[in-house]
N, C-alpha and C. Protein backbone atom coordinates (compact mmCIF):
# COMPACT_ATOMS: atom_id res chain seq x y z
N MET A 1 -15.64 13.19 17.57
CA MET A 1 -15.05 12.76 18.83
C MET A 1 -14.03 13.81 19.26
N ALA A 2 -14.10 14.09 20.51
CA ALA A 2 -13.15 15.09 21.05
C ALA A 2 -11.78 14.53 21.12
N GLU A 3 -10.81 15.46 21.17
CA GLU A 3 -9.42 15.08 21.26
C GLU A 3 -9.09 14.26 22.45
N SER A 4 -9.65 14.66 23.71
CA SER A 4 -9.32 13.87 24.85
C SER A 4 -10.01 12.52 24.83
N GLU A 5 -11.01 12.29 24.02
CA GLU A 5 -11.76 10.98 23.90
C GLU A 5 -10.85 10.10 23.09
N ARG A 6 -10.31 10.72 21.93
CA ARG A 6 -9.40 9.93 21.05
C ARG A 6 -8.13 9.56 21.83
N SER A 7 -7.54 10.48 22.62
CA SER A 7 -6.42 10.24 23.44
C SER A 7 -6.51 9.14 24.45
N ALA A 8 -7.76 9.08 25.07
CA ALA A 8 -8.05 8.09 26.07
C ALA A 8 -8.27 6.80 25.33
N GLY A 9 -8.89 6.78 24.18
CA GLY A 9 -9.11 5.61 23.43
C GLY A 9 -7.80 4.90 22.95
N ARG A 10 -6.91 5.80 22.55
CA ARG A 10 -5.62 5.41 22.06
C ARG A 10 -4.74 4.84 23.15
N LYS A 11 -4.77 5.51 24.38
CA LYS A 11 -4.08 5.02 25.53
C LYS A 11 -4.63 3.64 25.95
N GLU A 12 -5.92 3.44 25.90
CA GLU A 12 -6.49 2.07 26.25
C GLU A 12 -6.11 1.08 25.30
N THR A 13 -6.02 1.35 24.19
CA THR A 13 -5.55 0.47 22.96
C THR A 13 -4.12 0.12 23.18
N VAL A 14 -3.31 1.05 23.50
CA VAL A 14 -1.86 0.72 23.71
C VAL A 14 -1.75 -0.05 24.96
N GLU A 15 -2.44 0.19 25.91
CA GLU A 15 -2.27 -0.52 27.27
C GLU A 15 -2.77 -2.02 27.03
N THR A 16 -3.83 -2.10 26.22
CA THR A 16 -4.28 -3.48 25.89
C THR A 16 -3.16 -4.26 25.05
N ASN A 17 -2.62 -3.62 24.15
CA ASN A 17 -1.61 -4.26 23.32
C ASN A 17 -0.35 -4.59 24.22
N ILE A 18 0.07 -3.70 25.17
CA ILE A 18 1.07 -4.03 26.10
C ILE A 18 0.80 -5.31 26.85
N ASN A 19 -0.50 -5.32 27.46
CA ASN A 19 -0.86 -6.44 28.19
C ASN A 19 -0.83 -7.83 27.36
N GLU A 20 -1.34 -7.74 26.20
CA GLU A 20 -1.46 -8.90 25.34
C GLU A 20 -0.01 -9.39 24.87
N THR A 21 0.98 -8.41 24.63
CA THR A 21 2.20 -8.80 24.28
C THR A 21 2.90 -9.39 25.42
N GLU A 22 2.82 -8.86 26.65
CA GLU A 22 3.51 -9.37 27.84
C GLU A 22 2.84 -10.84 28.06
N GLU A 23 1.53 -11.17 27.88
CA GLU A 23 1.05 -12.40 28.02
C GLU A 23 1.67 -13.38 26.98
N ASN A 24 1.85 -12.89 25.77
CA ASN A 24 2.36 -13.77 24.74
C ASN A 24 3.96 -14.10 25.12
N LEU A 25 4.59 -13.07 25.61
CA LEU A 25 6.03 -13.20 25.99
C LEU A 25 6.08 -14.27 27.05
N HIS A 26 5.27 -14.23 28.15
CA HIS A 26 5.16 -15.09 29.35
C HIS A 26 4.83 -16.44 28.81
N ALA A 27 3.88 -16.71 27.95
CA ALA A 27 3.41 -17.92 27.47
C ALA A 27 4.45 -18.61 26.62
N THR A 28 5.16 -17.92 25.83
CA THR A 28 6.26 -18.61 25.06
C THR A 28 7.39 -18.99 25.98
N GLU A 29 7.69 -18.11 27.02
CA GLU A 29 8.74 -18.45 27.90
C GLU A 29 8.38 -19.78 28.61
N GLU A 30 7.23 -19.82 29.13
CA GLU A 30 6.73 -21.10 29.85
C GLU A 30 6.80 -22.31 28.88
N PHE A 31 6.40 -22.10 27.62
CA PHE A 31 6.45 -23.12 26.63
C PHE A 31 7.74 -23.66 26.40
N ALA A 32 8.75 -22.71 26.31
CA ALA A 32 10.07 -23.06 26.20
C ALA A 32 10.64 -23.86 27.29
N LYS A 33 10.32 -23.47 28.52
CA LYS A 33 10.77 -24.15 29.79
C LYS A 33 10.27 -25.58 29.81
N GLU A 34 8.89 -25.63 29.46
CA GLU A 34 8.21 -26.99 29.50
C GLU A 34 8.68 -27.97 28.42
N HIS A 35 8.98 -27.36 27.25
CA HIS A 35 9.17 -28.21 26.13
C HIS A 35 10.56 -28.12 25.47
N GLY A 36 11.42 -27.38 26.29
CA GLY A 36 12.79 -27.14 25.71
C GLY A 36 13.52 -28.33 25.30
N ASP A 37 13.47 -29.40 25.91
CA ASP A 37 14.11 -30.58 25.46
C ASP A 37 13.75 -31.06 24.09
N ALA A 38 12.47 -30.91 23.73
CA ALA A 38 11.89 -31.28 22.59
C ALA A 38 12.14 -30.29 21.34
N LEU A 39 12.56 -29.15 21.70
CA LEU A 39 12.83 -28.21 20.63
C LEU A 39 14.25 -28.22 20.02
N ASN A 40 14.33 -28.02 18.80
CA ASN A 40 15.63 -27.97 18.25
C ASN A 40 16.35 -26.67 18.42
N GLU A 41 17.62 -26.41 18.10
CA GLU A 41 18.29 -25.27 18.21
C GLU A 41 17.56 -24.06 17.44
N GLU A 42 17.14 -24.31 16.28
CA GLU A 42 16.55 -23.26 15.42
C GLU A 42 15.23 -22.93 16.04
N GLU A 43 14.42 -23.83 16.62
CA GLU A 43 13.18 -23.39 17.25
C GLU A 43 13.45 -22.55 18.52
N LYS A 44 14.43 -22.87 19.26
CA LYS A 44 14.84 -22.20 20.42
C LYS A 44 15.24 -20.77 20.05
N GLN A 45 16.01 -20.71 18.98
CA GLN A 45 16.50 -19.36 18.57
C GLN A 45 15.40 -18.47 18.13
N ASN A 46 14.48 -19.13 17.47
CA ASN A 46 13.22 -18.35 16.93
C ASN A 46 12.42 -17.92 18.12
N ILE A 47 12.30 -18.66 19.07
CA ILE A 47 11.44 -18.22 20.32
C ILE A 47 12.20 -17.03 20.93
N SER A 48 13.45 -17.24 21.07
CA SER A 48 14.37 -16.19 21.71
C SER A 48 14.21 -14.90 20.96
N GLU A 49 14.34 -14.98 19.63
CA GLU A 49 14.22 -13.74 18.80
C GLU A 49 12.91 -13.11 18.83
N LYS A 50 11.89 -13.91 18.78
CA LYS A 50 10.56 -13.44 18.90
C LYS A 50 10.28 -12.57 20.25
N ASN A 51 10.82 -13.25 21.37
CA ASN A 51 10.67 -12.61 22.67
C ASN A 51 11.46 -11.37 22.83
N GLU A 52 12.57 -11.33 22.22
CA GLU A 52 13.47 -10.10 22.23
C GLU A 52 12.61 -8.97 21.47
N HIS A 53 11.96 -9.38 20.41
CA HIS A 53 11.23 -8.35 19.60
C HIS A 53 10.04 -7.89 20.56
N ARG A 54 9.39 -8.89 21.15
CA ARG A 54 8.29 -8.51 22.03
C ARG A 54 8.79 -7.51 23.21
N ARG A 55 9.90 -7.86 23.76
CA ARG A 55 10.31 -6.89 24.80
C ARG A 55 10.59 -5.43 24.24
N GLU A 56 11.17 -5.41 23.05
CA GLU A 56 11.39 -4.21 22.40
C GLU A 56 10.03 -3.40 22.14
N ASN A 57 9.09 -4.15 21.82
CA ASN A 57 7.81 -3.48 21.44
C ASN A 57 7.04 -3.17 22.63
N ILE A 58 7.21 -3.83 23.66
CA ILE A 58 6.61 -3.43 24.96
C ILE A 58 7.29 -2.16 25.41
N GLU A 59 8.57 -2.06 25.41
CA GLU A 59 9.39 -0.90 25.79
C GLU A 59 8.93 0.37 24.87
N ASN A 60 8.89 0.12 23.66
CA ASN A 60 8.48 1.32 22.82
C ASN A 60 7.00 1.66 23.04
N MET A 61 6.13 0.71 23.26
CA MET A 61 4.73 1.16 23.65
C MET A 61 4.59 1.82 24.90
N LYS A 62 5.45 1.46 25.98
CA LYS A 62 5.45 2.20 27.17
C LYS A 62 5.97 3.55 27.09
N GLN A 63 6.99 3.66 26.22
CA GLN A 63 7.55 5.04 25.99
C GLN A 63 6.51 5.91 25.25
N SER A 64 5.78 5.44 24.26
CA SER A 64 4.82 6.19 23.62
C SER A 64 3.75 6.56 24.53
N LEU A 65 3.32 5.85 25.54
CA LEU A 65 2.39 6.22 26.57
C LEU A 65 2.95 7.44 27.38
N ASN A 66 4.28 7.36 27.83
CA ASN A 66 4.84 8.41 28.60
C ASN A 66 4.91 9.66 27.81
N GLU A 67 5.23 9.56 26.46
CA GLU A 67 5.23 10.76 25.62
C GLU A 67 3.91 11.48 25.59
N ASP A 68 2.82 10.67 25.59
CA ASP A 68 1.50 11.34 25.35
C ASP A 68 0.91 11.99 26.72
N GLU A 69 1.60 11.67 27.77
CA GLU A 69 1.08 12.26 29.11
C GLU A 69 1.45 13.70 29.15
């Protein structure tokens, strides 16, 4: 496989990962809004921490795409 094909394949994979992570982030935010009253503080904290981790991952993946260009 040529270098440009590997690079294009990697870029596509990273973009897919970004999109899926953003979808998970939005889905858990919506879940928390809809069911927030039923969640205890620990569950709310877990959701918040996971979403912060998702935001960091999204930013890191976007930076890696920019570095590859």
